[in-house]
Amino acid sequence: MLSEFIEGTIPARRVPVSLRLPSGAPSLDQDQEWCEIRTGDGWRRIRFHDYGDIYRVPGLYETLFYDHLRCCSPSRVVGLLADVLTDFPETPADLRVLDVGAGNGMVGEELRRIGVDATIGADIIPEASAAARRDRPGIYDDYIVGDLTDLRPEQEQRVRRLQPNCLTSVAALGFGDIPADVFITACNLVSTPAWLAFNIKESFLDPKSDPSGLAAPLQRMQDEGFIEMQAYRKYPHRLSVSGEPLFYVAMVARKVAPVPLAIARA
């Protein structure tokens, strides 16, 4: 039961919707956090990781995660990529990016901001693609909806047509959203060599306690020479509903060889 609320309203430039977060409630695991929005039938509870429900409400994602919970990951990961590129001959204009877990296009927007001209989004839920078209039309040159490990031939052709030489994945690894086999498949949809820019919850990098199954494959990718790490930065991804910082690690790596899918089962 909610005993006290922090309330907010989506700004007028978005479709108006009232939002409230629990305050003073017991701490929740990150994948169990929730909010309530006001609808014509009263207050409706939405779990944070029920992305389809969130994307259906224009402006809710931004207001919840960015206005209230101060998420900064799209700018931090893309900014780290831009910073690393200053030490290499390439510029953002040279990148053709496959954005995995693209959602409603916030990472695509950051990529355009630094000068990337060619991007393709990918997400497993159709609500994400619909939200990107609605909220940020034209941000992506194309948008693939489906499981990257089981793309239809025409979908794979659409990705290959872009000839991506960079992969981004922000706030999408772990929690069952993008497991190791999907991430490695995505890595092999971009060229060799290619840039990889992504983030992951800090606790998911400890093989002894990682519930995501990503820690060991990521370590093997580096140890066995499939990727070369160029930047590794811990930062507060966002606040929890109780106001505590949730720490993630942003990484930029250079893929220098195709990654065997068997590593996903490391």
Protein backbone atom coordinates (compact mmCIF):
# COMPACT_ATOMS: atom_id res chain seq x y z
CA MET A 1 0.00 0.00 0.00
CA LEU A 2 1.20 3.51 -0.78
CA SER A 3 1.34 5.64 2.32
CA GLU A 4 2.99 8.70 0.83
CA PHE A 5 3.73 9.85 -2.71
CA ILE A 6 6.10 11.98 -4.69
CA GLU A 7 3.91 13.39 -7.46
CA GLY A 8 4.71 14.97 -10.81
CA THR A 9 3.07 15.87 -14.07
CA ILE A 10 4.46 15.38 -17.54
CA PRO A 11 5.17 18.85 -19.00
CA ALA A 12 2.66 20.43 -21.37
CA ARG A 13 4.81 19.66 -24.40
CA ARG A 14 3.98 15.99 -23.76
CA VAL A 15 0.61 14.35 -23.44
CA PRO A 16 -0.44 15.27 -19.86
CA VAL A 17 -0.35 12.38 -17.39
CA SER A 18 0.01 12.39 -13.63
CA LEU A 19 2.67 10.18 -12.09
CA ARG A 20 3.45 9.20 -8.54
CA LEU A 21 6.21 7.16 -6.95
CA PRO A 22 6.12 5.31 -3.62
CA SER A 23 7.92 7.08 -0.81
CA GLY A 24 8.67 5.60 2.59
CA ALA A 25 7.95 2.11 1.31
CA PRO A 26 10.35 -0.80 1.91
CA SER A 27 13.29 -0.95 -0.50
CA LEU A 28 12.53 -2.82 -3.69
CA ASP A 29 14.84 -4.76 -5.95
CA GLN A 30 15.54 -2.78 -9.12
CA ASP A 31 13.48 -5.08 -11.32
CA GLN A 32 10.53 -4.87 -8.93
CA GLU A 33 10.25 -1.06 -8.75
CA TRP A 34 7.00 0.53 -9.87
CA CYS A 35 5.06 3.75 -10.21
CA GLU A 36 1.42 4.70 -10.62
CA ILE A 37 -0.13 6.85 -13.33
CA ARG A 38 -3.53 8.46 -13.33
CA THR A 39 -5.91 7.21 -16.02
CA GLY A 40 -9.58 7.80 -16.69
CA ASP A 41 -10.34 4.86 -14.43
CA GLY A 42 -8.14 6.01 -11.53
CA TRP A 43 -4.56 5.15 -10.59
CA ARG A 44 -2.83 2.33 -12.45
CA ARG A 45 0.35 0.61 -11.26
CA ILE A 46 3.14 -0.05 -13.79
CA ARG A 47 6.31 -1.99 -13.04
CA PHE A 48 9.42 -0.19 -14.33
CA HIS A 49 10.55 -3.16 -16.39
CA ASP A 50 7.18 -3.57 -18.11
CA TYR A 51 8.51 -1.43 -20.92
CA GLY A 52 5.64 -2.09 -23.29
CA ASP A 53 3.20 -0.51 -20.83
CA ILE A 54 5.52 2.46 -20.27
CA TYR A 55 6.16 3.14 -23.96
CA ARG A 56 2.44 3.22 -24.69
CA VAL A 57 2.12 6.40 -22.62
CA PRO A 58 3.74 9.35 -24.44
CA GLY A 59 6.34 11.06 -22.26
CA LEU A 60 6.08 8.61 -19.36
CA TYR A 61 9.52 7.06 -19.91
CA GLU A 62 11.27 10.44 -19.88
CA THR A 63 9.32 11.82 -16.96
CA LEU A 64 9.77 8.71 -14.84
CA PHE A 65 13.40 7.84 -15.48
CA TYR A 66 14.94 11.17 -16.43
CA ASP A 67 12.94 13.88 -14.65
CA HIS A 68 12.23 12.00 -11.41
CA LEU A 69 14.97 9.37 -11.18
CA ARG A 70 17.73 11.40 -12.90
CA CYS A 71 18.85 8.75 -15.36
CA CYS A 72 21.85 9.93 -17.37
CA SER A 73 22.99 6.77 -19.16
CA PRO A 74 22.32 7.70 -22.81
CA SER A 75 24.45 10.85 -22.53
CA ARG A 76 27.11 9.15 -20.38
CA VAL A 77 27.64 6.14 -22.65
CA VAL A 78 27.47 8.10 -25.90
CA GLY A 79 29.65 10.83 -24.40
CA LEU A 80 32.25 8.25 -23.39
CA LEU A 81 32.26 6.89 -26.94
CA ALA A 82 32.77 10.40 -28.33
CA ASP A 83 35.60 10.98 -25.87
CA VAL A 84 37.38 7.75 -26.84
CA LEU A 85 37.08 8.59 -30.54
CA THR A 86 39.15 11.74 -30.01
CA ASP A 87 42.18 9.44 -29.61
CA PHE A 88 41.53 7.64 -32.90
CA PRO A 89 41.35 8.67 -36.57
CA GLU A 90 37.59 8.05 -36.70
CA THR A 91 34.97 10.66 -35.92
CA PRO A 92 31.30 10.18 -35.00
CA ALA A 93 30.42 10.97 -38.63
CA ASP A 94 32.29 7.79 -39.63
CA LEU A 95 30.06 5.59 -37.47
CA ARG A 96 27.12 3.52 -38.66
CA VAL A 97 25.46 2.40 -35.44
CA LEU A 98 23.31 -0.57 -34.51
CA ASP A 99 21.52 0.52 -31.31
CA VAL A 100 20.32 -2.60 -29.47
CA GLY A 101 17.56 -2.22 -26.92
CA ALA A 102 16.82 1.09 -28.62
CA GLY A 103 13.53 1.78 -26.85
CA ASN A 104 11.96 5.09 -27.81
CA GLY A 105 15.13 6.53 -29.29
CA MET A 106 16.89 8.43 -26.51
CA VAL A 107 20.26 6.86 -27.36
CA GLY A 108 19.66 7.49 -31.05
CA GLU A 109 19.02 11.12 -30.21
CA GLU A 110 22.34 11.33 -28.34
CA LEU A 111 24.14 9.68 -31.26
CA ARG A 112 22.72 12.27 -33.64
CA ARG A 113 23.77 15.00 -31.24
CA ILE A 114 27.45 13.99 -31.40
CA GLY A 115 27.36 13.78 -35.19
CA VAL A 116 26.40 10.19 -36.07
CA ASP A 117 24.43 10.22 -39.32
CA ALA A 118 23.54 6.54 -39.84
CA THR A 119 21.68 4.54 -37.18
CA ILE A 120 19.42 1.53 -37.00
CA GLY A 121 17.45 0.69 -33.88
CA ALA A 122 16.59 -2.78 -32.64
CA ASP A 123 14.29 -3.89 -29.86
CA ILE A 124 12.30 -7.02 -29.12
CA ILE A 125 9.00 -5.30 -28.36
CA PRO A 126 6.87 -3.51 -30.99
CA GLU A 127 5.86 -0.82 -28.47
CA ALA A 128 9.46 0.44 -28.50
CA SER A 129 9.49 0.94 -32.26
CA ALA A 130 6.10 2.63 -32.17
CA ALA A 131 7.28 4.96 -29.39
CA ALA A 132 10.45 5.88 -31.30
CA ARG A 133 8.42 6.76 -34.39
CA ARG A 134 5.98 8.75 -32.26
CA ASP A 135 8.46 10.54 -29.99
CA ARG A 136 11.54 10.93 -32.19
CA PRO A 137 10.57 10.53 -35.84
CA GLY A 138 13.55 10.28 -38.15
CA ILE A 139 16.10 9.52 -35.42
CA TYR A 140 16.72 6.04 -36.84
CA ASP A 141 17.15 5.21 -40.51
CA ASP A 142 15.44 1.89 -39.80
CA TYR A 143 14.13 0.00 -36.78
CA ILE A 144 14.11 -3.79 -36.38
CA VAL A 145 11.60 -5.45 -34.04
CA GLY A 146 12.52 -8.98 -33.11
CA ASP A 147 14.88 -11.40 -31.37
CA LEU A 148 18.37 -10.81 -32.78
CA THR A 149 19.14 -14.51 -32.44
CA ASP A 150 16.18 -15.36 -34.69
CA LEU A 151 15.86 -12.57 -37.25
CA ARG A 152 13.95 -13.13 -40.44
CA PRO A 153 16.23 -13.07 -43.53
CA GLU A 154 14.83 -9.71 -44.66
CA GLN A 155 15.46 -8.23 -41.21
CA GLU A 156 19.07 -9.38 -41.20
CA GLN A 157 19.48 -7.96 -44.70
CA ARG A 158 18.21 -4.59 -43.46
CA VAL A 159 20.86 -4.59 -40.73
CA ARG A 160 23.61 -5.71 -43.09
CA ARG A 161 22.60 -3.06 -45.62
CA LEU A 162 23.66 -0.35 -43.16
CA GLN A 163 27.05 -2.10 -42.73
CA PRO A 164 27.18 -1.09 -39.05
CA ASN A 165 30.64 -0.52 -37.59
CA CYS A 166 29.47 0.38 -34.08
CA LEU A 167 27.16 -1.25 -31.53
CA THR A 168 25.47 0.62 -28.70
CA SER A 169 23.36 -0.90 -25.94
CA VAL A 170 22.33 1.33 -23.04
CA ALA A 171 20.41 0.25 -19.92
CA ALA A 172 19.42 -2.97 -21.68
CA LEU A 173 21.87 -5.67 -20.56
CA GLY A 174 20.78 -7.94 -17.75
CA PHE A 175 17.41 -8.44 -16.01
CA GLY A 176 16.52 -10.89 -18.79
CA ASP A 177 16.20 -8.11 -21.38
CA ILE A 178 19.39 -8.82 -23.37
CA PRO A 179 21.12 -12.04 -22.26
CA ALA A 180 24.64 -13.01 -23.28
CA ASP A 181 23.70 -14.88 -26.46
CA VAL A 182 21.75 -11.90 -27.78
CA PHE A 183 24.58 -9.50 -26.96
CA ILE A 184 27.17 -11.67 -28.71
CA THR A 185 24.88 -12.08 -31.72
CA ALA A 186 24.58 -8.30 -31.83
CA CYS A 187 28.36 -7.95 -31.65
CA ASN A 188 28.64 -10.15 -34.72
CA LEU A 189 26.06 -8.14 -36.67
CA VAL A 190 28.54 -5.26 -36.74
CA SER A 191 31.75 -5.32 -38.75
CA THR A 192 35.20 -6.40 -37.65
CA PRO A 193 36.74 -4.19 -36.43
CA ALA A 194 33.97 -2.18 -34.80
CA TRP A 195 33.24 -0.06 -31.76
CA LEU A 196 31.16 -1.34 -28.84
CA ALA A 197 29.65 1.17 -26.39
CA PHE A 198 27.42 -0.20 -23.64
CA ASN A 199 26.69 -0.17 -19.95
CA ILE A 200 25.77 -2.71 -17.33
CA LYS A 201 24.82 -2.71 -13.65
CA GLU A 202 27.98 -2.81 -11.55
CA SER A 203 26.94 -5.92 -9.61
CA PHE A 204 26.45 -7.83 -12.87
CA LEU A 205 30.21 -7.69 -13.47
CA ASP A 206 31.07 -9.94 -10.53
CA PRO A 207 31.11 -13.57 -11.74
CA LYS A 208 30.56 -14.80 -8.18
CA SER A 209 27.25 -13.00 -7.73
CA ASP A 210 26.13 -12.09 -11.27
CA PRO A 211 22.49 -13.11 -11.89
CA SER A 212 22.55 -11.90 -15.50
CA GLY A 213 24.99 -14.43 -16.97
CA LEU A 214 26.98 -11.63 -18.58
CA ALA A 215 29.99 -11.23 -16.30
CA ALA A 216 31.90 -14.33 -17.41
CA PRO A 217 31.27 -13.90 -21.16
CA LEU A 218 32.32 -10.25 -21.04
CA GLN A 219 35.50 -11.19 -19.20
CA ARG A 220 36.29 -13.96 -21.69
CA MET A 221 35.70 -11.65 -24.64
CA GLN A 222 38.41 -9.41 -23.24
CA ASP A 223 40.80 -12.09 -21.93
CA GLU A 224 40.72 -14.09 -25.17
CA GLY A 225 41.33 -11.07 -27.37
CA PHE A 226 37.98 -10.64 -29.12
CA ILE A 227 37.61 -7.11 -27.75
CA GLU A 228 40.06 -4.49 -26.53
CA MET A 229 38.74 -2.34 -23.70
CA GLN A 230 39.33 1.38 -24.28
CA ALA A 231 37.31 2.98 -21.46
CA TYR A 232 35.63 1.73 -18.28
CA ARG A 233 33.77 4.19 -16.09
CA LYS A 234 31.58 3.68 -13.02
CA TYR A 235 28.83 6.26 -12.51
CA PRO A 236 25.33 6.64 -10.97
CA HIS A 237 22.93 5.40 -13.67
CA ARG A 238 19.85 6.73 -11.86
CA LEU A 239 18.20 6.87 -8.45
CA SER A 240 16.14 4.07 -7.01
CA VAL A 241 12.60 4.86 -5.88
CA SER A 242 14.04 5.21 -2.37
CA GLY A 243 16.51 7.85 -3.59
CA GLU A 244 19.67 5.73 -3.53
CA PRO A 245 22.07 5.85 -6.51
CA LEU A 246 22.17 2.76 -8.72
CA PHE A 247 25.70 2.36 -10.03
CA TYR A 248 26.44 1.13 -13.54
CA VAL A 249 29.64 0.82 -15.54
CA ALA A 250 29.92 2.39 -19.00
CA MET A 251 32.34 0.68 -21.35
CA VAL A 252 33.78 1.42 -24.76
CA ALA A 253 35.65 -1.40 -26.45
CA ARG A 254 37.08 -2.21 -29.84
CA LYS A 255 35.86 -5.48 -31.36
CA VAL A 256 38.86 -6.95 -33.17
CA ALA A 257 37.60 -10.46 -34.00
CA PRO A 258 34.26 -12.22 -34.42
CA VAL A 259 33.01 -13.48 -31.06
CA PRO A 260 32.14 -17.22 -30.81
CA LEU A 261 28.58 -17.73 -29.63
CA ALA A 262 29.85 -20.50 -27.35
CA ILE A 263 31.26 -17.77 -25.09
CA ALA A 264 27.69 -16.98 -24.07
CA ARG A 265 27.68 -20.28 -22.20
CA ALA A 266 30.92 -19.49 -20.36
